[in-house]
Amino acid sequence: AHWCSPCRKFTPELVKIFDEVKDEINNKLDIVFISCDRDQESFDEYLRGMPWKALPFSDRNLPKLLGEKFNIDGIPSLVVLPPFLQIITLDGIDEVRDANKEALHKWSQGKRLFWTREPQDGEYVWKTANCTECFMMPMVVVRYSCTNVDCQIDLCEACLSKTKHKYPLVEYLIPKQQYSLEKILASIPYLLDPNNSDEIDIKNMWKSDIKSIGF
């Protein structure tokens, strides 16, 4: 809606991404604007900045019906559907922000952006984390993250070996699981001082008389 500031912020981002990939996806993905504007003039002005289709503003009942069907409780919202209307995702906004062009590529193939696998007995599931390379979400068992606090990257075990990264990566320790002190120290040195560019000598820390570590 023209009056909605989050909408006005997100729409140009989506327009830019759509323009970049529209030739690559070769008309396999359509975007349809469904308006919550308050009048025809606002609708027309907002639509002028969009390269896609729209439902007529005059049909005011249909947006309400669609909102109820897909449990839309706020805007902007982006629901992704294949031709037979099974839901690919109700979280299109977050997926575009997480994956940029890759989200539209996946949707154009009728695929979900995020995927996962069933955990086997005893395997830990990182419920709110996704691999920034293969988009596994939730991540199962092994999770690596960057030692630079300004770098937002999480990697699964499969992507770790295929990804070159500027900063060192450390493995997250699984909650409520026992580890040797050496394993703990190997995993947390940069958390002790994330702004320190000097690596901490794990061997010296291990040899020192450390009694406990608190979290």
N, C-alpha and C. Protein backbone atom coordinates (compact mmCIF):
# COMPACT_ATOMS: atom_id res chain seq x y z
N ALA A 1 0.84 -1.19 0.00
CA ALA A 1 0.00 0.00 0.00
C ALA A 1 0.88 1.25 0.00
N HIS A 2 0.40 2.28 -0.69
CA HIS A 2 1.16 3.51 -0.80
C HIS A 2 1.38 4.16 0.56
N TRP A 3 0.43 4.00 1.48
CA TRP A 3 0.53 4.64 2.80
C TRP A 3 1.44 3.88 3.76
N CYS A 4 1.85 2.66 3.39
CA CYS A 4 2.61 1.77 4.28
C CYS A 4 4.11 1.95 4.04
N SER A 5 4.83 2.50 5.02
CA SER A 5 6.26 2.76 4.82
C SER A 5 7.09 1.48 4.65
N PRO A 6 6.82 0.38 5.39
CA PRO A 6 7.56 -0.86 5.10
C PRO A 6 7.33 -1.36 3.67
N CYS A 7 6.11 -1.16 3.15
CA CYS A 7 5.84 -1.56 1.76
C CYS A 7 6.66 -0.71 0.80
N ARG A 8 6.69 0.59 1.03
CA ARG A 8 7.44 1.48 0.14
C ARG A 8 8.93 1.22 0.21
N LYS A 9 9.39 0.67 1.31
CA LYS A 9 10.81 0.30 1.42
C LYS A 9 11.10 -1.00 0.69
N PHE A 10 10.21 -1.99 0.83
CA PHE A 10 10.47 -3.31 0.24
C PHE A 10 10.21 -3.35 -1.26
N THR A 11 9.17 -2.67 -1.74
CA THR A 11 8.80 -2.77 -3.15
C THR A 11 9.94 -2.41 -4.10
N PRO A 12 10.67 -1.31 -3.90
CA PRO A 12 11.80 -1.03 -4.81
C PRO A 12 12.88 -2.11 -4.76
N GLU A 13 13.08 -2.73 -3.60
CA GLU A 13 14.05 -3.81 -3.51
C GLU A 13 13.62 -4.99 -4.38
N LEU A 14 12.33 -5.33 -4.30
CA LEU A 14 11.82 -6.44 -5.10
C LEU A 14 11.83 -6.11 -6.59
N VAL A 15 11.51 -4.87 -6.94
CA VAL A 15 11.54 -4.44 -8.34
C VAL A 15 12.95 -4.61 -8.90
N LYS A 16 13.95 -4.19 -8.15
CA LYS A 16 15.34 -4.28 -8.60
C LYS A 16 15.75 -5.74 -8.84
N ILE A 17 15.41 -6.61 -7.89
CA ILE A 17 15.77 -8.02 -8.02
C ILE A 17 15.02 -8.66 -9.19
N PHE A 18 13.74 -8.34 -9.31
CA PHE A 18 12.93 -8.91 -10.40
C PHE A 18 13.47 -8.49 -11.76
N ASP A 19 13.85 -7.23 -11.90
CA ASP A 19 14.40 -6.75 -13.17
C ASP A 19 15.71 -7.45 -13.51
N GLU A 20 16.48 -7.80 -12.49
CA GLU A 20 17.77 -8.46 -12.73
C GLU A 20 17.61 -9.91 -13.19
N VAL A 21 16.52 -10.57 -12.78
CA VAL A 21 16.39 -12.00 -13.08
C VAL A 21 15.30 -12.33 -14.09
N LYS A 22 14.52 -11.35 -14.52
CA LYS A 22 13.35 -11.67 -15.34
C LYS A 22 13.71 -12.37 -16.65
N ASP A 23 14.87 -12.03 -17.24
CA ASP A 23 15.28 -12.72 -18.46
C ASP A 23 15.75 -14.15 -18.16
N GLU A 24 16.37 -14.33 -17.00
CA GLU A 24 16.89 -15.65 -16.63
C GLU A 24 15.75 -16.63 -16.29
N ILE A 25 14.72 -16.14 -15.62
CA ILE A 25 13.62 -17.04 -15.24
C ILE A 25 12.61 -17.20 -16.38
N ASN A 26 12.76 -16.39 -17.43
CA ASN A 26 12.04 -16.60 -18.69
C ASN A 26 10.53 -16.77 -18.50
N ASN A 27 9.92 -15.80 -17.83
CA ASN A 27 8.47 -15.79 -17.64
C ASN A 27 7.92 -16.99 -16.87
N LYS A 28 8.76 -17.61 -16.06
CA LYS A 28 8.30 -18.74 -15.25
C LYS A 28 7.81 -18.29 -13.87
N LEU A 29 7.89 -17.00 -13.61
CA LEU A 29 7.43 -16.47 -12.33
C LEU A 29 6.73 -15.14 -12.58
N ASP A 30 5.50 -15.04 -12.10
CA ASP A 30 4.74 -13.79 -12.19
C ASP A 30 4.52 -13.24 -10.79
N ILE A 31 4.55 -11.93 -10.68
CA ILE A 31 4.20 -11.27 -9.42
C ILE A 31 2.92 -10.48 -9.66
N VAL A 32 1.98 -10.60 -8.74
CA VAL A 32 0.70 -9.89 -8.85
C VAL A 32 0.53 -9.01 -7.62
N PHE A 33 0.33 -7.73 -7.84
CA PHE A 33 0.14 -6.77 -6.76
C PHE A 33 -1.32 -6.78 -6.32
N ILE A 34 -1.54 -7.01 -5.03
CA ILE A 34 -2.88 -6.98 -4.44
C ILE A 34 -2.89 -5.83 -3.45
N SER A 35 -3.68 -4.83 -3.72
CA SER A 35 -3.57 -3.55 -3.04
C SER A 35 -4.38 -3.46 -1.76
N CYS A 36 -3.78 -2.76 -0.79
CA CYS A 36 -4.51 -2.34 0.42
C CYS A 36 -4.59 -0.81 0.45
N ASP A 37 -4.47 -0.19 -0.72
CA ASP A 37 -4.54 1.27 -0.77
C ASP A 37 -5.94 1.76 -0.43
N ARG A 38 -6.02 3.04 -0.10
CA ARG A 38 -7.28 3.60 0.39
C ARG A 38 -8.12 4.23 -0.72
N ASP A 39 -7.50 4.49 -1.87
CA ASP A 39 -8.27 5.07 -2.97
C ASP A 39 -7.58 4.75 -4.29
N GLN A 40 -8.31 4.94 -5.38
CA GLN A 40 -7.81 4.60 -6.71
C GLN A 40 -6.56 5.40 -7.07
N GLU A 41 -6.53 6.67 -6.69
CA GLU A 41 -5.39 7.52 -7.04
C GLU A 41 -4.10 7.00 -6.40
N SER A 42 -4.16 6.63 -5.13
CA SER A 42 -2.98 6.09 -4.45
C SER A 42 -2.54 4.77 -5.08
N PHE A 43 -3.53 3.94 -5.41
CA PHE A 43 -3.25 2.67 -6.08
C PHE A 43 -2.52 2.90 -7.40
N ASP A 44 -3.03 3.81 -8.21
CA ASP A 44 -2.43 4.08 -9.53
C ASP A 44 -1.00 4.60 -9.39
N GLU A 45 -0.79 5.49 -8.42
CA GLU A 45 0.54 6.07 -8.23
C GLU A 45 1.54 5.00 -7.79
N TYR A 46 1.11 4.13 -6.88
CA TYR A 46 2.00 3.09 -6.37
C TYR A 46 2.32 2.06 -7.45
N LEU A 47 1.31 1.70 -8.23
CA LEU A 47 1.48 0.68 -9.27
C LEU A 47 2.42 1.14 -10.37
N ARG A 48 2.53 2.44 -10.59
CA ARG A 48 3.39 2.94 -11.67
C ARG A 48 4.85 2.52 -11.49
N GLY A 49 5.26 2.27 -10.27
CA GLY A 49 6.65 1.87 -10.04
C GLY A 49 6.88 0.37 -10.09
N MET A 50 5.86 -0.39 -10.50
CA MET A 50 5.97 -1.85 -10.50
C MET A 50 5.94 -2.40 -11.93
N PRO A 51 6.80 -3.38 -12.24
CA PRO A 51 6.82 -3.95 -13.59
C PRO A 51 5.94 -5.19 -13.74
N TRP A 52 5.02 -5.42 -12.80
CA TRP A 52 4.21 -6.63 -12.84
C TRP A 52 2.72 -6.31 -12.85
N LYS A 53 1.93 -7.36 -12.81
CA LYS A 53 0.47 -7.25 -12.91
C LYS A 53 -0.13 -6.82 -11.57
N ALA A 54 -1.42 -6.50 -11.60
CA ALA A 54 -2.13 -6.14 -10.37
C ALA A 54 -3.60 -6.51 -10.51
N LEU A 55 -4.22 -6.85 -9.38
CA LEU A 55 -5.67 -7.00 -9.37
C LEU A 55 -6.30 -5.61 -9.41
N PRO A 56 -7.43 -5.46 -10.07
CA PRO A 56 -8.08 -4.14 -10.14
C PRO A 56 -8.41 -3.61 -8.74
N PHE A 57 -8.19 -2.33 -8.55
CA PHE A 57 -8.49 -1.73 -7.25
C PHE A 57 -9.98 -1.81 -6.94
N SER A 58 -10.81 -1.83 -7.97
CA SER A 58 -12.26 -1.82 -7.78
C SER A 58 -12.77 -3.08 -7.07
N ASP A 59 -12.01 -4.17 -7.15
CA ASP A 59 -12.44 -5.42 -6.50
C ASP A 59 -11.91 -5.42 -5.07
N ARG A 60 -12.63 -4.78 -4.15
CA ARG A 60 -12.15 -4.62 -2.78
C ARG A 60 -12.40 -5.85 -1.91
N ASN A 61 -13.24 -6.77 -2.36
CA ASN A 61 -13.55 -7.94 -1.54
C ASN A 61 -12.48 -9.02 -1.67
N LEU A 62 -11.87 -9.13 -2.86
CA LEU A 62 -10.91 -10.21 -3.10
C LEU A 62 -9.66 -10.12 -2.21
N PRO A 63 -9.05 -8.93 -2.01
CA PRO A 63 -7.91 -8.88 -1.09
C PRO A 63 -8.24 -9.39 0.31
N LYS A 64 -9.44 -9.09 0.79
CA LYS A 64 -9.85 -9.56 2.11
C LYS A 64 -9.96 -11.08 2.13
N LEU A 65 -10.58 -11.65 1.09
CA LEU A 65 -10.74 -13.10 1.02
C LEU A 65 -9.38 -13.81 0.94
N LEU A 66 -8.46 -13.27 0.14
CA LEU A 66 -7.13 -13.87 0.02
C LEU A 66 -6.35 -13.74 1.33
N GLY A 67 -6.51 -12.60 1.99
CA GLY A 67 -5.84 -12.41 3.27
C GLY A 67 -6.30 -13.43 4.30
N GLU A 68 -7.59 -13.73 4.30
CA GLU A 68 -8.12 -14.73 5.23
C GLU A 68 -7.64 -16.13 4.86
N LYS A 69 -7.60 -16.42 3.57
CA LYS A 69 -7.20 -17.76 3.12
C LYS A 69 -5.75 -18.07 3.51
N PHE A 70 -4.87 -17.06 3.38
CA PHE A 70 -3.45 -17.29 3.63
C PHE A 70 -2.98 -16.72 4.97
N ASN A 71 -3.94 -16.37 5.83
CA ASN A 71 -3.64 -15.90 7.19
C ASN A 71 -2.69 -14.70 7.19
N ILE A 72 -2.95 -13.74 6.32
CA ILE A 72 -2.13 -12.54 6.26
C ILE A 72 -2.55 -11.60 7.39
N ASP A 73 -1.61 -11.27 8.26
CA ASP A 73 -1.96 -10.39 9.39
C ASP A 73 -1.19 -9.08 9.36
N GLY A 74 -0.51 -8.78 8.26
CA GLY A 74 0.21 -7.52 8.14
C GLY A 74 0.79 -7.37 6.75
N ILE A 75 1.17 -6.14 6.42
CA ILE A 75 1.79 -5.88 5.12
C ILE A 75 3.11 -5.15 5.33
N PRO A 76 4.06 -5.32 4.40
CA PRO A 76 3.95 -6.08 3.15
C PRO A 76 3.96 -7.58 3.41
N SER A 77 3.40 -8.31 2.47
CA SER A 77 3.38 -9.76 2.54
C SER A 77 3.60 -10.30 1.13
N LEU A 78 4.30 -11.43 1.04
CA LEU A 78 4.57 -12.03 -0.27
C LEU A 78 4.35 -13.53 -0.16
N VAL A 79 3.27 -14.00 -0.77
CA VAL A 79 2.91 -15.41 -0.77
C VAL A 79 3.30 -15.99 -2.13
N VAL A 80 3.98 -17.14 -2.12
CA VAL A 80 4.44 -17.75 -3.38
C VAL A 80 3.67 -19.04 -3.60
N LEU A 81 3.05 -19.14 -4.79
CA LEU A 81 2.19 -20.27 -5.13
C LEU A 81 2.60 -20.85 -6.48
N PRO A 82 2.58 -22.18 -6.62
CA PRO A 82 2.73 -22.79 -7.95
C PRO A 82 1.40 -22.76 -8.68
N PRO A 83 1.34 -23.23 -9.93
CA PRO A 83 0.11 -23.10 -10.72
C PRO A 83 -1.13 -23.71 -10.07
N PHE A 84 -0.96 -24.79 -9.29
CA PHE A 84 -2.13 -25.44 -8.71
C PHE A 84 -2.40 -24.99 -7.28
N LEU A 85 -1.76 -23.87 -6.89
CA LEU A 85 -2.07 -23.15 -5.65
C LEU A 85 -1.64 -23.86 -4.36
N GLN A 86 -0.80 -24.91 -4.45
CA GLN A 86 -0.18 -25.35 -3.21
C GLN A 86 0.78 -24.25 -2.78
N ILE A 87 0.98 -24.12 -1.49
CA ILE A 87 1.82 -23.02 -1.01
C ILE A 87 3.29 -23.41 -1.07
N ILE A 88 4.10 -22.59 -1.74
CA ILE A 88 5.56 -22.75 -1.69
C ILE A 88 6.09 -22.08 -0.44
N THR A 89 5.66 -20.85 -0.19
CA THR A 89 6.04 -20.17 1.05
C THR A 89 5.07 -19.04 1.35
N LEU A 90 4.87 -18.80 2.63
CA LEU A 90 4.12 -17.63 3.09
C LEU A 90 5.06 -16.53 3.55
N ASP A 91 6.36 -16.81 3.51
CA ASP A 91 7.37 -15.88 4.04
C ASP A 91 8.27 -15.33 2.94
N GLY A 92 7.65 -14.95 1.82
CA GLY A 92 8.43 -14.48 0.68
C GLY A 92 9.27 -13.25 0.99
N ILE A 93 8.77 -12.37 1.85
CA ILE A 93 9.51 -11.15 2.19
C ILE A 93 10.86 -11.52 2.82
N ASP A 94 10.81 -12.38 3.84
CA ASP A 94 12.05 -12.76 4.53
C ASP A 94 12.98 -13.53 3.60
N GLU A 95 12.42 -14.36 2.73
CA GLU A 95 13.26 -15.16 1.85
C GLU A 95 13.97 -14.28 0.81
N VAL A 96 13.30 -13.26 0.32
CA VAL A 96 13.95 -12.32 -0.60
C VAL A 96 15.08 -11.59 0.11
N ARG A 97 14.84 -11.19 1.34
CA ARG A 97 15.88 -10.48 2.10
C ARG A 97 17.04 -11.40 2.44
N ASP A 98 16.76 -12.69 2.67
CA ASP A 98 17.82 -13.63 3.01
C ASP A 98 18.64 -14.06 1.79
N ALA A 99 17.95 -14.26 0.66
CA ALA A 99 18.60 -14.92 -0.47
C ALA A 99 18.63 -14.11 -1.75
N ASN A 100 17.95 -12.96 -1.77
CA ASN A 100 18.01 -12.09 -2.94
C ASN A 100 17.53 -12.83 -4.19
N LYS A 101 18.33 -12.81 -5.26
CA LYS A 101 17.91 -13.40 -6.53
C LYS A 101 17.67 -14.90 -6.45
N GLU A 102 18.40 -15.57 -5.56
CA GLU A 102 18.28 -17.02 -5.46
C GLU A 102 16.86 -17.43 -5.09
N ALA A 103 16.18 -16.61 -4.29
CA ALA A 103 14.80 -16.92 -3.92
C ALA A 103 13.91 -16.97 -5.16
N LEU A 104 14.02 -15.97 -6.03
CA LEU A 104 13.19 -15.93 -7.23
C LEU A 104 13.54 -17.06 -8.18
N HIS A 105 14.81 -17.42 -8.26
CA HIS A 105 15.21 -18.54 -9.11
C HIS A 105 14.55 -19.84 -8.62
N LYS A 106 14.59 -20.08 -7.32
CA LYS A 106 13.99 -21.29 -6.77
C LYS A 106 12.49 -21.31 -7.01
N TRP A 107 11.83 -20.19 -6.76
CA TRP A 107 10.38 -20.13 -6.93
C TRP A 107 9.99 -20.37 -8.39
N SER A 108 10.78 -19.86 -9.32
CA SER A 108 10.46 -20.03 -10.74
C SER A 108 10.53 -21.49 -11.16
N GLN A 109 11.24 -22.31 -10.37
CA GLN A 109 11.33 -23.75 -10.62
C GLN A 109 10.30 -24.53 -9.81
N GLY A 110 9.44 -23.80 -9.10
CA GLY A 110 8.44 -24.46 -8.27
C GLY A 110 9.02 -25.06 -7.01
N LYS A 111 10.20 -24.59 -6.59
CA LYS A 111 10.88 -25.15 -5.43
C LYS A 111 10.87 -24.18 -4.26
N ARG A 112 10.94 -24.74 -3.08
CA ARG A 112 11.10 -23.93 -1.88
C ARG A 112 12.55 -23.47 -1.79
N LEU A 113 12.73 -22.29 -1.23
CA LEU A 113 14.09 -21.81 -1.00
C LEU A 113 14.74 -22.62 0.12
N PHE A 114 14.07 -22.70 1.26
CA PHE A 114 14.63 -23.41 2.40
C PHE A 114 14.24 -24.89 2.35
N TRP A 115 15.14 -25.73 2.80
CA TRP A 115 14.91 -27.16 2.83
C TRP A 115 15.59 -27.71 4.08
N THR A 116 15.30 -28.93 4.41
CA THR A 116 15.99 -29.57 5.52
C THR A 116 15.88 -31.07 5.33
N ARG A 117 16.38 -31.81 6.26
CA ARG A 117 16.22 -33.26 6.25
C ARG A 117 15.77 -33.71 7.63
N GLU A 118 15.18 -34.88 7.67
CA GLU A 118 14.72 -35.42 8.95
C GLU A 118 15.92 -35.78 9.82
N PRO A 119 15.97 -35.27 11.04
CA PRO A 119 17.08 -35.64 11.92
C PRO A 119 16.98 -37.10 12.35
N GLN A 120 18.11 -37.75 12.42
CA GLN A 120 18.16 -39.11 12.93
C GLN A 120 18.18 -39.07 14.46
N ASP A 121 18.05 -40.22 15.08
CA ASP A 121 17.99 -40.28 16.55
C ASP A 121 19.19 -39.58 17.17
N GLY A 122 18.91 -38.63 18.05
CA GLY A 122 19.98 -37.96 18.78
C GLY A 122 20.59 -36.78 18.07
N GLU A 123 20.23 -36.53 16.81
CA GLU A 123 20.82 -35.40 16.09
C GLU A 123 20.16 -34.09 16.53
N TYR A 124 20.99 -33.07 16.72
CA TYR A 124 20.49 -31.79 17.21
C TYR A 124 20.00 -30.94 16.04
N VAL A 125 18.91 -30.21 16.26
CA VAL A 125 18.32 -29.34 15.23
C VAL A 125 18.43 -27.89 15.69
N TRP A 126 19.08 -27.06 14.85
CA TRP A 126 19.18 -25.62 15.11
C TRP A 126 17.95 -24.96 14.50
N LYS A 127 16.90 -24.81 15.27
CA LYS A 127 15.58 -24.49 14.74
C LYS A 127 15.50 -23.15 14.03
N THR A 128 16.27 -22.16 14.46
CA THR A 128 16.14 -20.82 13.87
C THR A 128 17.29 -20.46 12.94
N ALA A 129 18.16 -21.43 12.64
CA ALA A 129 19.34 -21.13 11.82
C ALA A 129 19.20 -21.73 10.43
N ASN A 130 19.73 -21.02 9.44
CA ASN A 130 19.78 -21.58 8.09
C ASN A 130 21.18 -21.42 7.51
N CYS A 131 21.58 -22.38 6.70
CA CYS A 131 22.88 -22.32 6.03
C CYS A 131 22.81 -21.23 4.96
N THR A 132 23.75 -20.31 4.99
CA THR A 132 23.71 -19.19 4.05
C THR A 132 24.16 -19.58 2.64
N GLU A 133 24.62 -20.82 2.47
CA GLU A 133 25.01 -21.28 1.13
C GLU A 133 23.93 -22.15 0.49
N CYS A 134 23.48 -23.19 1.18
CA CYS A 134 22.51 -24.12 0.57
C CYS A 134 21.09 -23.90 1.10
N PHE A 135 20.91 -22.99 2.07
CA PHE A 135 19.61 -22.62 2.63
C PHE A 135 18.93 -23.78 3.36
N MET A 136 19.71 -24.66 3.94
CA MET A 136 19.15 -25.69 4.81
C MET A 136 18.59 -25.02 6.06
N MET A 137 17.30 -25.22 6.32
CA MET A 137 16.67 -24.61 7.48
C MET A 137 15.48 -25.46 7.92
N PRO A 138 15.48 -25.92 9.16
CA PRO A 138 16.53 -25.72 10.16
C PRO A 138 17.77 -26.56 9.86
N MET A 139 18.90 -26.12 10.40
CA MET A 139 20.13 -26.88 10.22
C MET A 139 20.16 -28.05 11.18
N VAL A 140 20.71 -29.16 10.71
CA VAL A 140 20.75 -30.39 11.51
C VAL A 140 22.20 -30.71 11.88
N VAL A 141 22.43 -30.95 13.16
CA VAL A 141 23.69 -31.38 13.76
C VAL A 141 24.76 -30.29 13.73
N VAL A 142 25.56 -30.23 12.67
CA VAL A 142 26.75 -29.38 12.68
C VAL A 142 26.43 -27.99 12.14
N ARG A 143 26.92 -26.98 12.84
CA ARG A 143 26.71 -25.59 12.44
C ARG A 143 27.99 -24.80 12.69
N TYR A 144 28.46 -24.13 11.65
CA TYR A 144 29.66 -23.30 11.76
C TYR A 144 29.28 -21.84 11.54
N SER A 145 29.97 -20.95 12.24
CA SER A 145 29.71 -19.53 12.09
C SER A 145 31.02 -18.77 12.06
N CYS A 146 30.94 -17.51 11.61
CA CYS A 146 32.14 -16.69 11.44
C CYS A 146 32.58 -16.09 12.77
N THR A 147 33.89 -15.96 12.93
CA THR A 147 34.43 -15.37 14.14
C THR A 147 34.33 -13.85 14.13
N ASN A 148 34.05 -13.27 12.98
CA ASN A 148 33.86 -11.82 12.88
C ASN A 148 32.42 -11.49 13.25
N VAL A 149 32.23 -10.70 14.29
CA VAL A 149 30.88 -10.45 14.80
C VAL A 149 30.02 -9.67 13.80
N ASP A 150 30.65 -9.01 12.83
CA ASP A 150 29.89 -8.25 11.84
C ASP A 150 29.50 -9.08 10.63
N CYS A 151 29.95 -10.31 10.59
CA CYS A 151 29.68 -11.19 9.44
C CYS A 151 28.58 -12.17 9.79
N GLN A 152 27.48 -12.10 9.07
CA GLN A 152 26.34 -12.98 9.34
C GLN A 152 26.40 -14.18 8.40
N ILE A 153 27.09 -15.22 8.83
CA ILE A 153 27.19 -16.43 8.01
C ILE A 153 27.05 -17.65 8.89
N ASP A 154 26.26 -18.61 8.43
CA ASP A 154 26.15 -19.92 9.07
C ASP A 154 26.32 -20.96 7.98
N LEU A 155 27.08 -22.00 8.27
CA LEU A 155 27.32 -23.05 7.28
C LEU A 155 27.05 -24.42 7.87
N CYS A 156 26.45 -25.29 7.06
CA CYS A 156 26.31 -26.68 7.45
C CYS A 156 27.62 -27.40 7.14
N GLU A 157 27.71 -28.65 7.54
CA GLU A 157 28.97 -29.38 7.35
C GLU A 157 29.30 -29.57 5.87
N ALA A 158 28.27 -29.82 5.05
CA ALA A 158 28.51 -30.04 3.62
C ALA A 158 29.06 -28.79 2.94
N CYS A 159 28.57 -27.62 3.34
CA CYS A 159 28.99 -26.38 2.69
C CYS A 159 30.31 -25.85 3.23
N LEU A 160 30.71 -26.31 4.41
CA LEU A 160 31.95 -25.82 5.01
C LEU A 160 33.15 -26.08 4.10
N SER A 161 33.22 -27.29 3.55
CA SER A 161 34.38 -27.66 2.72
C SER A 161 34.35 -26.99 1.35
N LYS A 162 33.19 -26.48 0.94
CA LYS A 162 33.06 -25.89 -0.39
C LYS A 162 33.11 -24.36 -0.37
N THR A 163 33.23 -23.78 0.82
CA THR A 163 33.11 -22.34 0.94
C THR A 163 34.42 -21.71 1.40
N LYS A 164 34.92 -20.76 0.63
CA LYS A 164 36.09 -19.99 1.03
C LYS A 164 35.61 -18.73 1.74
N HIS A 165 36.20 -18.46 2.90
CA HIS A 165 35.74 -17.33 3.68
C HIS A 165 36.92 -16.55 4.22
N LYS A 166 36.76 -15.25 4.30
CA LYS A 166 37.86 -14.37 4.69
C LYS A 166 38.31 -14.59 6.12
N TYR A 167 37.35 -14.86 7.02
CA TYR A 167 37.65 -14.98 8.44
C TYR A 167 37.55 -16.44 8.89
N PRO A 168 38.17 -16.78 10.01
CA PRO A 168 38.06 -18.16 10.53
C PRO A 168 36.62 -18.49 10.90
N LEU A 169 36.29 -19.77 10.80
CA LEU A 169 34.96 -20.26 11.17
C LEU A 169 35.10 -21.20 12.36
N VAL A 170 34.12 -21.14 13.26
CA VAL A 170 34.15 -22.02 14.43
C VAL A 170 32.85 -22.81 14.50
N GLU A 171 32.94 -23.98 15.10
CA GLU A 171 31.77 -24.85 15.23
C GLU A 171 30.98 -24.48 16.48
N TYR A 172 29.66 -24.39 16.32
CA TYR A 172 28.79 -24.21 17.48
C TYR A 172 28.78 -25.50 18.30
N LEU A 173 28.84 -25.36 19.60
CA LEU A 173 28.71 -26.52 20.47
C LEU A 173 27.24 -26.77 20.77
N ILE A 174 26.85 -28.03 20.74
CA ILE A 174 25.46 -28.40 20.92
C ILE A 174 25.08 -28.30 22.40
N PRO A 175 24.00 -27.60 22.72
CA PRO A 175 23.59 -27.46 24.12
C PRO A 175 23.36 -28.82 24.79
N LYS A 176 23.66 -28.86 26.07
CA LYS A 176 23.43 -30.04 26.93
C LYS A 176 24.21 -31.26 26.50
N GLN A 177 25.29 -31.04 25.77
CA GLN A 177 26.16 -32.14 25.38
C GLN A 177 27.53 -31.93 26.01
N GLN A 178 28.17 -33.00 26.43
CA GLN A 178 29.45 -32.89 27.11
C GLN A 178 30.60 -32.84 26.11
N TYR A 179 31.56 -31.94 26.39
CA TYR A 179 32.74 -31.80 25.55
C TYR A 179 33.98 -31.75 26.43
N SER A 180 35.09 -32.13 25.86
CA SER A 180 36.35 -31.95 26.57
C SER A 180 36.65 -30.46 26.65
N LEU A 181 37.43 -30.07 27.65
CA LEU A 181 37.80 -28.67 27.79
C LEU A 181 38.55 -28.18 26.56
N GLU A 182 39.36 -29.03 25.97
CA GLU A 182 40.11 -28.64 24.78
C GLU A 182 39.16 -28.32 23.63
N LYS A 183 38.09 -29.11 23.48
CA LYS A 183 37.10 -28.87 22.44
C LYS A 183 36.38 -27.55 22.68
N ILE A 184 36.05 -27.27 23.93
CA ILE A 184 35.37 -26.02 24.26
C ILE A 184 36.26 -24.83 23.94
N LEU A 185 37.52 -24.91 24.36
CA LEU A 185 38.43 -23.79 24.12
C LEU A 185 38.68 -23.58 22.63
N ALA A 186 38.67 -24.66 21.86
CA ALA A 186 38.88 -24.53 20.42
C ALA A 186 37.70 -23.85 19.74
N SER A 187 36.54 -23.92 20.37
CA SER A 187 35.33 -23.38 19.76
C SER A 187 35.05 -21.94 20.13
N ILE A 188 35.59 -21.47 21.26
CA ILE A 188 35.18 -20.15 21.74
C ILE A 188 36.25 -19.07 21.79
N PRO A 189 37.45 -19.25 21.27
CA PRO A 189 38.48 -18.22 21.50
C PRO A 189 38.10 -16.84 21.03
N TYR A 190 37.41 -16.74 19.90
CA TYR A 190 37.06 -15.42 19.38
C TYR A 190 35.89 -14.81 20.12
N LEU A 191 35.12 -15.65 20.81
CA LEU A 191 34.04 -15.11 21.62
C LEU A 191 34.59 -14.41 22.86
N LEU A 192 35.79 -14.82 23.28
CA LEU A 192 36.41 -14.18 24.44
C LEU A 192 36.75 -12.73 24.13
N ASP A 193 37.22 -12.48 22.91
CA ASP A 193 37.54 -11.12 22.49
C ASP A 193 37.39 -11.04 20.97
N PRO A 194 36.15 -10.86 20.48
CA PRO A 194 35.91 -10.90 19.03
C PRO A 194 36.59 -9.78 18.26
N ASN A 195 37.04 -8.73 18.95
CA ASN A 195 37.70 -7.62 18.26
C ASN A 195 39.22 -7.80 18.18
N ASN A 196 39.70 -8.86 18.79
CA ASN A 196 41.14 -9.12 18.79
C ASN A 196 41.50 -9.92 17.55
N SER A 197 42.35 -9.37 16.71
CA SER A 197 42.72 -10.05 15.47
C SER A 197 43.77 -11.13 15.69
N ASP A 198 44.39 -11.15 16.88
CA ASP A 198 45.41 -12.16 17.17
C ASP A 198 44.75 -13.46 17.60
N GLU A 199 45.19 -14.55 17.02
CA GLU A 199 44.64 -15.85 17.40
C GLU A 199 45.11 -16.22 18.81
N ILE A 200 44.23 -16.85 19.55
CA ILE A 200 44.56 -17.29 20.90
C ILE A 200 45.23 -18.65 20.83
N ASP A 201 46.30 -18.82 21.56
CA ASP A 201 47.04 -20.08 21.56
C ASP A 201 46.29 -21.11 22.41
N ILE A 202 45.58 -22.00 21.74
CA ILE A 202 44.76 -22.98 22.45
C ILE A 202 45.61 -23.90 23.32
N LYS A 203 46.79 -24.29 22.82
CA LYS A 203 47.62 -25.23 23.58
C LYS A 203 48.04 -24.62 24.92
N ASN A 204 48.41 -23.35 24.90
CA ASN A 204 48.81 -22.71 26.16
C ASN A 204 47.63 -22.59 27.12
N MET A 205 46.45 -22.31 26.56
CA MET A 205 45.27 -22.22 27.42
C MET A 205 44.96 -23.58 28.03
N TRP A 206 45.15 -24.62 27.23
CA TRP A 206 44.86 -25.98 27.70
C TRP A 206 45.81 -26.39 28.82
N LYS A 207 47.07 -25.96 28.71
CA LYS A 207 48.07 -26.34 29.71
C LYS A 207 47.91 -25.56 31.01
N SER A 208 47.30 -24.37 30.92
CA SER A 208 47.14 -23.59 32.13
C SER A 208 46.09 -24.22 33.03
N ASP A 209 46.09 -23.82 34.27
CA ASP A 209 45.26 -24.49 35.28
C ASP A 209 43.86 -23.88 35.30
N ILE A 210 43.07 -24.16 34.23
CA ILE A 210 41.71 -23.64 34.15
C ILE A 210 40.77 -24.59 34.88
N LYS A 211 40.00 -24.05 35.79
CA LYS A 211 39.10 -24.88 36.59
C LYS A 211 37.69 -24.96 35.99
N SER A 212 37.22 -23.86 35.41
CA SER A 212 35.85 -23.87 34.88
C SER A 212 35.67 -22.76 33.86
N ILE A 213 34.66 -22.92 33.03
CA ILE A 213 34.27 -21.90 32.06
C ILE A 213 32.77 -21.67 32.21
N GLY A 214 32.36 -20.44 32.33
CA GLY A 214 30.94 -20.12 32.48
C GLY A 214 30.38 -19.51 31.22
N PHE A 215 29.09 -19.77 30.96
CA PHE A 215 28.40 -19.20 29.80
C PHE A 215 27.17 -18.44 30.29
